Amino acid sequence: MARPYSLDLRVRVIAAVDGGQSCRSVAEAFDLSSSCVVKWTQRVRATGSFAPGKTGGHRRPLLADQRDFILSRLTAEPHLTLERLRAELAERGVTISHGALWNFVHRQGLSFKKKRSANRARSAGCRPPPDALEEVPNPD
């Protein structure tokens, strides 16, 4: 993301506009867009500050109010699927996407990968060919 222009440049630009020059002529002199100069001027008049406004920000998690409910449900039923949990939240009046719910659960440290079971059947690619299992007659 681009950084804001320096405070020094902002002060010089606003001083030139306050000195009586037009925003367009100041923009040309400082190699800026005229809309940039206009916005800076409006900001100084509205707030009295030359500093740039806040960029970006932090969004409050959508499920912060439901944290206790989600944690208690996952403690009571550890193999609860996200879709089932999402349906239960919908019953409580909370509409959320699958991805947002996954992000919340992951941030809480509750997501995990299932371990492969040693007793699980292997895929067909791992099995020996059927003719290899048959007994081969002894040529003697």
Protein backbone atom coordinates (compact mmCIF):
# COMPACT_ATOMS: atom_id res chain seq x y z
CA MET A 1 0.00 0.00 0.00
CA ALA A 2 1.27 3.48 -0.82
CA ARG A 3 2.37 5.78 1.96
CA PRO A 4 0.78 9.19 2.46
CA TYR A 5 2.60 12.30 1.29
CA SER A 6 4.90 13.96 3.82
CA LEU A 7 3.58 16.50 6.29
CA ASP A 8 6.10 19.05 5.01
CA LEU A 9 4.67 18.87 1.48
CA ARG A 10 1.13 19.15 2.79
CA VAL A 11 2.00 22.28 4.80
CA ARG A 12 3.66 23.94 1.78
CA VAL A 13 0.72 23.11 -0.51
CA ILE A 14 -1.89 24.45 1.93
CA ALA A 15 0.22 27.57 2.55
CA ALA A 16 0.30 28.25 -1.21
CA VAL A 17 -3.49 27.85 -1.47
CA ASP A 18 -4.00 30.10 1.58
CA GLY A 19 -1.63 32.60 -0.06
CA GLY A 20 -4.16 33.13 -2.83
CA GLN A 21 -3.13 30.69 -5.55
CA SER A 22 -5.72 28.42 -7.13
CA CYS A 23 -5.76 24.72 -6.35
CA ARG A 24 -4.97 23.89 -9.97
CA SER A 25 -1.93 26.14 -10.16
CA VAL A 26 -0.62 24.80 -6.85
CA ALA A 27 -1.20 21.24 -8.07
CA GLU A 28 0.83 21.93 -11.22
CA ALA A 29 3.64 23.60 -9.26
CA PHE A 30 3.97 20.66 -6.84
CA ASP A 31 3.24 17.97 -9.44
CA LEU A 32 0.09 16.74 -7.70
CA SER A 33 -3.44 16.17 -8.90
CA SER A 34 -5.85 19.04 -8.41
CA SER A 35 -8.27 16.76 -6.53
CA CYS A 36 -5.51 15.96 -4.04
CA VAL A 37 -4.93 19.64 -3.32
CA VAL A 38 -8.67 20.30 -3.02
CA LYS A 39 -9.12 17.41 -0.57
CA TRP A 40 -6.16 18.51 1.55
CA THR A 41 -7.54 22.04 1.67
CA GLN A 42 -10.99 20.77 2.67
CA ARG A 43 -9.48 18.55 5.34
CA VAL A 44 -7.48 21.40 6.90
CA ARG A 45 -10.54 23.66 6.93
CA ALA A 46 -12.73 20.95 8.48
CA THR A 47 -10.33 19.54 11.07
CA GLY A 48 -7.51 22.07 11.37
CA SER A 49 -4.98 19.29 10.88
CA PHE A 50 -2.49 18.78 8.07
CA ALA A 51 -1.96 15.13 8.98
CA PRO A 52 -3.33 12.42 6.69
CA GLY A 53 -6.46 10.56 7.71
CA LYS A 54 -6.41 7.03 9.00
CA THR A 55 -5.89 4.40 6.32
CA GLY A 56 -7.04 0.83 6.58
CA GLY A 57 -8.39 -0.17 9.91
CA HIS A 58 -9.41 -3.08 12.05
CA ARG A 59 -12.71 -4.84 11.61
CA ARG A 60 -14.29 -6.18 14.74
CA PRO A 61 -14.85 -9.93 14.38
CA LEU A 62 -18.46 -10.65 13.44
CA LEU A 63 -18.67 -13.53 15.90
CA ALA A 64 -17.20 -11.81 18.97
CA ASP A 65 -20.60 -11.79 20.71
CA GLN A 66 -21.11 -15.50 19.94
CA ARG A 67 -17.67 -16.63 21.16
CA ASP A 68 -18.90 -18.31 24.35
CA PHE A 69 -21.68 -20.14 22.51
CA ILE A 70 -19.32 -21.42 19.79
CA LEU A 71 -16.68 -22.54 22.29
CA SER A 72 -19.23 -24.34 24.45
CA ARG A 73 -20.75 -26.10 21.41
CA LEU A 74 -17.34 -27.25 20.18
CA THR A 75 -16.39 -28.42 23.67
CA ALA A 76 -19.62 -30.37 24.05
CA GLU A 77 -19.46 -31.84 20.55
CA PRO A 78 -15.85 -31.76 19.22
CA HIS A 79 -16.70 -33.30 15.83
CA LEU A 80 -19.37 -30.71 15.03
CA THR A 81 -19.05 -29.59 11.42
CA LEU A 82 -18.82 -25.96 10.47
CA GLU A 83 -22.00 -26.23 8.40
CA ARG A 84 -23.89 -27.61 11.38
CA LEU A 85 -22.48 -24.89 13.62
CA ARG A 86 -23.43 -22.32 11.00
CA ALA A 87 -27.00 -23.65 10.99
CA GLU A 88 -27.17 -23.38 14.79
CA LEU A 89 -25.92 -19.80 14.62
CA ALA A 90 -28.58 -19.05 12.00
CA GLU A 91 -31.22 -20.33 14.44
CA ARG A 92 -29.87 -17.78 16.91
CA GLY A 93 -30.25 -15.03 14.28
CA VAL A 94 -26.58 -14.80 13.25
CA THR A 95 -26.03 -15.11 9.50
CA ILE A 96 -22.40 -15.82 8.66
CA SER A 97 -20.47 -17.29 5.75
CA HIS A 98 -18.59 -20.57 5.95
CA GLY A 99 -15.26 -18.76 5.46
CA ALA A 100 -15.89 -16.24 8.23
CA LEU A 101 -16.80 -19.03 10.63
CA TRP A 102 -13.70 -21.01 9.67
CA ASN A 103 -11.51 -17.92 10.21
CA PHE A 104 -13.01 -17.38 13.64
CA VAL A 105 -12.53 -21.01 14.69
CA HIS A 106 -8.98 -21.00 13.33
CA ARG A 107 -8.10 -17.80 15.22
CA GLN A 108 -9.38 -19.41 18.41
CA GLY A 109 -6.95 -22.29 17.86
CA LEU A 110 -9.73 -24.85 17.51
CA SER A 111 -9.12 -26.07 13.97
CA PHE A 112 -7.21 -29.27 13.46
CA LYS A 113 -6.35 -31.76 10.78
CA LYS A 114 -7.66 -35.24 11.18
CA LYS A 115 -4.97 -37.89 11.48
CA ARG A 116 -5.00 -40.70 8.99
CA SER A 117 -6.14 -43.94 10.46
CA ALA A 118 -3.90 -46.95 9.98
CA ASN A 119 -7.00 -49.13 9.55
CA ARG A 120 -8.46 -47.08 6.72
CA ALA A 121 -8.75 -48.86 3.39
CA ARG A 122 -6.10 -47.93 0.91
CA SER A 123 -6.88 -46.43 -2.44
CA ALA A 124 -6.84 -48.63 -5.52
CA GLY A 125 -3.49 -47.18 -6.61
CA CYS A 126 -1.74 -48.66 -3.56
CA ARG A 127 -3.05 -52.20 -3.91
CA PRO A 128 -1.04 -54.91 -5.64
CA PRO A 129 -2.50 -56.08 -8.94
CA PRO A 130 -5.08 -58.91 -8.60
CA ASP A 131 -2.93 -61.48 -10.44
CA ALA A 132 -0.07 -60.94 -7.98
CA LEU A 133 -2.24 -62.30 -5.19
CA GLU A 134 -2.95 -65.62 -6.94
CA GLU A 135 -0.68 -68.53 -6.25
CA VAL A 136 1.79 -69.17 -9.02
CA PRO A 137 2.12 -72.91 -9.83
CA ASN A 138 5.52 -74.36 -9.16
CA PRO A 139 7.17 -75.50 -12.45
CA ASP A 140 8.69 -78.62 -10.79
